[in-house]
Amino acid sequence: MSSTYNAKQAGREFAFRFLYQWEVTNTDSSSPPQDEALDTAVEFFRHMFIDENEKALTIDQRGLTFARQLISKVFSNNLEIEECLTKFLKFKGANSANKVDMALLKLGTCELLFFADTPYKVVINEAINLAKQYGPQDSPSFINGVLDKVAHLKQ
């Protein structure tokens, strides 16, 4: 795999962890940080970006730049992303999905809607891999089903 792929993969994981932390710690998701405040939050979070063994995860500048783009797009398009997801979460309710799933769904939906250069299968596979690593047992199939429906909206 190319270093760009690895940078994007690291960027997605970083963005997911950031968005998950945001979902957990901020009750008012309608007022995310903007521009300089977002840059400060991303930089602060980068220093806390550790794995389960308490070692810093490797993310280069390209990965961090991609993560920042993803996070910024999720925040600036949060309403559109949530409206899109609500169409497919009727059986669960947009607010009843767990925070891991919601962070992954927002991230994946954002990339499907606003990052046309990434093939939808890559977006879905990356989200499934993160769901396997961080979510409950049913997360991978749930994430796959919802993001597949979002991807088919674009086609």
C-alpha atoms as a PDB file:
ATOM      1  CA  MET A   1       0.000   0.000   0.000  1.00  0.00           C
ATOM      2  CA  SER A   2       1.150   3.526  -0.684  1.00  0.00           C
ATOM      3  CA  SER A   3       2.059   6.018   2.010  1.00  0.00           C
ATOM      4  CA  THR A   4      -0.912   8.151   0.909  1.00  0.00           C
ATOM      5  CA  TYR A   5      -3.233   5.253   1.735  1.00  0.00           C
ATOM      6  CA  ASN A   6      -1.602   4.860   5.137  1.00  0.00           C
ATOM      7  CA  ALA A   7      -1.804   8.607   5.751  1.00  0.00           C
ATOM      8  CA  LYS A   8      -5.509   8.613   4.885  1.00  0.00           C
ATOM      9  CA  GLN A   9      -6.116   5.532   7.013  1.00  0.00           C
ATOM     10  CA  ALA A  10      -4.396   7.185   9.983  1.00  0.00           C
ATOM     11  CA  GLY A  11      -6.309  10.387   9.256  1.00  0.00           C
ATOM     12  CA  ARG A  12      -9.629   8.541   9.333  1.00  0.00           C
ATOM     13  CA  GLU A  13      -8.808   6.875  12.627  1.00  0.00           C
ATOM     14  CA  PHE A  14      -7.703  10.183  14.115  1.00  0.00           C
ATOM     15  CA  ALA A  15     -10.863  11.923  12.839  1.00  0.00           C
ATOM     16  CA  PHE A  16     -13.038   9.100  14.191  1.00  0.00           C
ATOM     17  CA  ARG A  17     -11.414   9.287  17.621  1.00  0.00           C
ATOM     18  CA  PHE A  18     -11.741  13.079  17.651  1.00  0.00           C
ATOM     19  CA  LEU A  19     -15.415  12.956  16.635  1.00  0.00           C
ATOM     20  CA  TYR A  20     -16.145  10.207  19.149  1.00  0.00           C
ATOM     21  CA  GLN A  21     -14.517  12.255  21.913  1.00  0.00           C
ATOM     22  CA  TRP A  22     -16.522  15.269  20.781  1.00  0.00           C
ATOM     23  CA  GLU A  23     -19.775  13.233  20.894  1.00  0.00           C
ATOM     24  CA  VAL A  24     -18.955  12.011  24.414  1.00  0.00           C
ATOM     25  CA  THR A  25     -17.828  15.289  25.956  1.00  0.00           C
ATOM     26  CA  ASN A  26     -19.992  17.906  24.223  1.00  0.00           C
ATOM     27  CA  THR A  27     -23.719  17.920  24.699  1.00  0.00           C
ATOM     28  CA  ASP A  28     -24.210  20.824  22.279  1.00  0.00           C
ATOM     29  CA  SER A  29     -23.017  19.404  18.947  1.00  0.00           C
ATOM     30  CA  SER A  30     -24.626  22.332  17.154  1.00  0.00           C
ATOM     31  CA  SER A  31     -21.756  24.641  18.104  1.00  0.00           C
ATOM     32  CA  PRO A  32     -18.499  22.913  17.122  1.00  0.00           C
ATOM     33  CA  PRO A  33     -15.186  24.750  17.147  1.00  0.00           C
ATOM     34  CA  GLN A  34     -14.419  26.856  14.074  1.00  0.00           C
ATOM     35  CA  ASP A  35     -11.137  27.565  12.248  1.00  0.00           C
ATOM     36  CA  GLU A  36      -8.458  28.529  14.795  1.00  0.00           C
ATOM     37  CA  ALA A  37     -10.359  26.924  17.661  1.00  0.00           C
ATOM     38  CA  LEU A  38     -10.648  23.727  15.626  1.00  0.00           C
ATOM     39  CA  ASP A  39      -6.951  23.816  14.798  1.00  0.00           C
ATOM     40  CA  THR A  40      -6.179  24.210  18.505  1.00  0.00           C
ATOM     41  CA  ALA A  41      -8.534  21.352  19.420  1.00  0.00           C
ATOM     42  CA  VAL A  42      -7.017  19.064  16.766  1.00  0.00           C
ATOM     43  CA  GLU A  43      -3.478  19.868  17.910  1.00  0.00           C
ATOM     44  CA  PHE A  44      -4.408  19.281  21.555  1.00  0.00           C
ATOM     45  CA  PHE A  45      -6.070  15.978  20.646  1.00  0.00           C
ATOM     46  CA  ARG A  46      -3.025  14.900  18.597  1.00  0.00           C
ATOM     47  CA  HIS A  47      -1.004  14.864  21.801  1.00  0.00           C
ATOM     48  CA  MET A  48      -3.576  12.548  23.371  1.00  0.00           C
ATOM     49  CA  PHE A  49      -3.773  10.230  20.326  1.00  0.00           C
ATOM     50  CA  ILE A  50      -2.693   6.996  21.952  1.00  0.00           C
ATOM     51  CA  ASP A  51      -3.522   3.366  21.420  1.00  0.00           C
ATOM     52  CA  GLU A  52      -4.644   0.784  23.946  1.00  0.00           C
ATOM     53  CA  ASN A  53      -1.004   0.173  24.948  1.00  0.00           C
ATOM     54  CA  GLU A  54      -0.601   3.854  25.828  1.00  0.00           C
ATOM     55  CA  LYS A  55       1.794   4.413  22.930  1.00  0.00           C
ATOM     56  CA  ALA A  56       1.420   7.335  20.573  1.00  0.00           C
ATOM     57  CA  LEU A  57      -0.043   6.303  17.247  1.00  0.00           C
ATOM     58  CA  THR A  58       1.859   7.399  14.196  1.00  0.00           C
ATOM     59  CA  ILE A  59       0.224  10.063  12.108  1.00  0.00           C
ATOM     60  CA  ASP A  60       2.250  12.137   9.692  1.00  0.00           C
ATOM     61  CA  GLN A  61       1.411  15.638   8.480  1.00  0.00           C
ATOM     62  CA  ARG A  62      -0.542  14.314   5.478  1.00  0.00           C
ATOM     63  CA  GLY A  63      -2.667  12.149   7.763  1.00  0.00           C
ATOM     64  CA  LEU A  64      -3.222  15.017  10.166  1.00  0.00           C
ATOM     65  CA  THR A  65      -4.172  17.341   7.298  1.00  0.00           C
ATOM     66  CA  PHE A  66      -6.673  14.777   5.990  1.00  0.00           C
ATOM     67  CA  ALA A  67      -8.096  14.280   9.504  1.00  0.00           C
ATOM     68  CA  ARG A  68      -8.500  18.047   9.896  1.00  0.00           C
ATOM     69  CA  GLN A  69     -10.327  18.211   6.547  1.00  0.00           C
ATOM     70  CA  LEU A  70     -12.669  15.397   7.567  1.00  0.00           C
ATOM     71  CA  ILE A  71     -13.391  16.879  10.998  1.00  0.00           C
ATOM     72  CA  SER A  72     -13.978  20.339   9.553  1.00  0.00           C
ATOM     73  CA  LYS A  73     -16.370  18.969   6.890  1.00  0.00           C
ATOM     74  CA  VAL A  74     -18.308  16.944   9.472  1.00  0.00           C
ATOM     75  CA  PHE A  75     -18.756  20.024  11.651  1.00  0.00           C
ATOM     76  CA  SER A  76     -19.572  22.433   8.818  1.00  0.00           C
ATOM     77  CA  ASN A  77     -22.080  20.013   7.267  1.00  0.00           C
ATOM     78  CA  ASN A  78     -23.387  18.369  10.439  1.00  0.00           C
ATOM     79  CA  LEU A  79     -27.042  19.214   9.771  1.00  0.00           C
ATOM     80  CA  GLU A  80     -26.964  17.785   6.233  1.00  0.00           C
ATOM     81  CA  ILE A  81     -25.112  14.674   7.447  1.00  0.00           C
ATOM     82  CA  GLU A  82     -27.593  14.081  10.273  1.00  0.00           C
ATOM     83  CA  GLU A  83     -30.559  14.612   7.920  1.00  0.00           C
ATOM     84  CA  CYS A  84     -29.087  12.064   5.524  1.00  0.00           C
ATOM     85  CA  LEU A  85     -28.491   9.545   8.313  1.00  0.00           C
ATOM     86  CA  THR A  86     -31.944  10.029   9.804  1.00  0.00           C
ATOM     87  CA  LYS A  87     -33.429   8.542   6.614  1.00  0.00           C
ATOM     88  CA  PHE A  88     -31.710   5.253   7.422  1.00  0.00           C
ATOM     89  CA  LEU A  89     -31.893   5.267  11.212  1.00  0.00           C
ATOM     90  CA  LYS A  90     -35.694   5.324  11.494  1.00  0.00           C
ATOM     91  CA  PHE A  91     -35.754   1.883  13.044  1.00  0.00           C
ATOM     92  CA  LYS A  92     -33.196   2.921  15.672  1.00  0.00           C
ATOM     93  CA  GLY A  93     -33.621   6.672  15.817  1.00  0.00           C
ATOM     94  CA  ALA A  94     -30.695   8.971  15.093  1.00  0.00           C
ATOM     95  CA  ASN A  95     -30.177   9.688  18.788  1.00  0.00           C
ATOM     96  CA  SER A  96     -30.336   6.070  19.926  1.00  0.00           C
ATOM     97  CA  ALA A  97     -27.304   4.816  17.990  1.00  0.00           C
ATOM     98  CA  ASN A  98     -24.300   4.445  20.281  1.00  0.00           C
ATOM     99  CA  LYS A  99     -21.636   7.152  20.164  1.00  0.00           C
ATOM    100  CA  VAL A 100     -19.073   4.934  18.395  1.00  0.00           C
ATOM    101  CA  ASP A 101     -21.568   4.155  15.646  1.00  0.00           C
ATOM    102  CA  MET A 102     -22.657   7.787  15.343  1.00  0.00           C
ATOM    103  CA  ALA A 103     -19.079   9.026  15.036  1.00  0.00           C
ATOM    104  CA  LEU A 104     -18.351   6.398  12.368  1.00  0.00           C
ATOM    105  CA  LEU A 105     -21.592   7.081  10.514  1.00  0.00           C
ATOM    106  CA  LYS A 106     -21.008  10.834  10.490  1.00  0.00           C
ATOM    107  CA  LEU A 107     -17.429  10.385   9.332  1.00  0.00           C
ATOM    108  CA  GLY A 108     -18.338   7.867   6.621  1.00  0.00           C
ATOM    109  CA  THR A 109     -21.335   9.871   5.429  1.00  0.00           C
ATOM    110  CA  CYS A 110     -19.221  13.002   5.269  1.00  0.00           C
ATOM    111  CA  GLU A 111     -16.594  11.289   3.173  1.00  0.00           C
ATOM    112  CA  LEU A 112     -19.213   9.743   0.878  1.00  0.00           C
ATOM    113  CA  LEU A 113     -20.968  13.071   0.346  1.00  0.00           C
ATOM    114  CA  PHE A 114     -18.053  15.505   0.196  1.00  0.00           C
ATOM    115  CA  PHE A 115     -14.900  13.584  -0.792  1.00  0.00           C
ATOM    116  CA  ALA A 116     -15.706  12.325  -4.276  1.00  0.00           C
ATOM    117  CA  ASP A 117     -12.091  11.270  -4.892  1.00  0.00           C
ATOM    118  CA  THR A 118     -12.408   8.351  -2.448  1.00  0.00           C
ATOM    119  CA  PRO A 119     -14.182   5.248  -3.795  1.00  0.00           C
ATOM    120  CA  TYR A 120     -17.258   4.440  -1.744  1.00  0.00           C
ATOM    121  CA  LYS A 121     -16.042   0.865  -1.127  1.00  0.00           C
ATOM    122  CA  VAL A 122     -12.888   2.241   0.528  1.00  0.00           C
ATOM    123  CA  VAL A 123     -14.944   4.546   2.764  1.00  0.00           C
ATOM    124  CA  ILE A 124     -17.225   1.694   3.833  1.00  0.00           C
ATOM    125  CA  ASN A 125     -14.358  -0.773   4.391  1.00  0.00           C
ATOM    126  CA  GLU A 126     -12.437   1.726   6.499  1.00  0.00           C
ATOM    127  CA  ALA A 127     -15.537   2.433   8.618  1.00  0.00           C
ATOM    128  CA  ILE A 128     -16.159  -1.305   9.056  1.00  0.00           C
ATOM    129  CA  ASN A 129     -12.548  -1.847  10.154  1.00  0.00           C
ATOM    130  CA  LEU A 130     -12.838   0.943  12.726  1.00  0.00           C
ATOM    131  CA  ALA A 131     -16.173  -0.502  13.897  1.00  0.00           C
ATOM    132  CA  LYS A 132     -14.530  -3.898  14.392  1.00  0.00           C
ATOM    133  CA  GLN A 133     -11.793  -2.285  16.452  1.00  0.00           C
ATOM    134  CA  TYR A 134     -13.848   0.143  18.547  1.00  0.00           C
ATOM    135  CA  GLY A 135     -17.543  -0.731  18.369  1.00  0.00           C
ATOM    136  CA  PRO A 136     -19.798  -3.370  19.843  1.00  0.00           C
ATOM    137  CA  GLN A 137     -20.162  -6.711  18.096  1.00  0.00           C
ATOM    138  CA  ASP A 138     -23.031  -5.619  15.825  1.00  0.00           C
ATOM    139  CA  SER A 139     -21.377  -2.356  14.756  1.00  0.00           C
ATOM    140  CA  PRO A 140     -19.612  -3.592  11.600  1.00  0.00           C
ATOM    141  CA  SER A 141     -22.799  -4.937   9.990  1.00  0.00           C
ATOM    142  CA  PHE A 142     -24.821  -1.912  11.132  1.00  0.00           C
ATOM    143  CA  ILE A 143     -22.214   0.546   9.771  1.00  0.00           C
ATOM    144  CA  ASN A 144     -21.981  -1.422   6.519  1.00  0.00           C
ATOM    145  CA  GLY A 145     -25.741  -1.394   6.004  1.00  0.00           C
ATOM    146  CA  VAL A 146     -26.241   2.302   6.673  1.00  0.00           C
ATOM    147  CA  LEU A 147     -23.205   3.551   4.720  1.00  0.00           C
ATOM    148  CA  ASP A 148     -24.097   1.304   1.778  1.00  0.00           C
ATOM    149  CA  LYS A 149     -27.502   3.012   1.628  1.00  0.00           C
ATOM    150  CA  VAL A 150     -25.878   6.454   1.855  1.00  0.00           C
ATOM    151  CA  ALA A 151     -23.463   5.517  -0.944  1.00  0.00           C
ATOM    152  CA  HIS A 152     -26.337   4.451  -3.184  1.00  0.00           C
ATOM    153  CA  LEU A 153     -28.037   7.826  -2.671  1.00  0.00           C
ATOM    154  CA  LYS A 154     -25.070   9.426  -4.462  1.00  0.00           C
ATOM    155  CA  GLN A 155     -25.202   7.098  -7.450  1.00  0.00           C
END
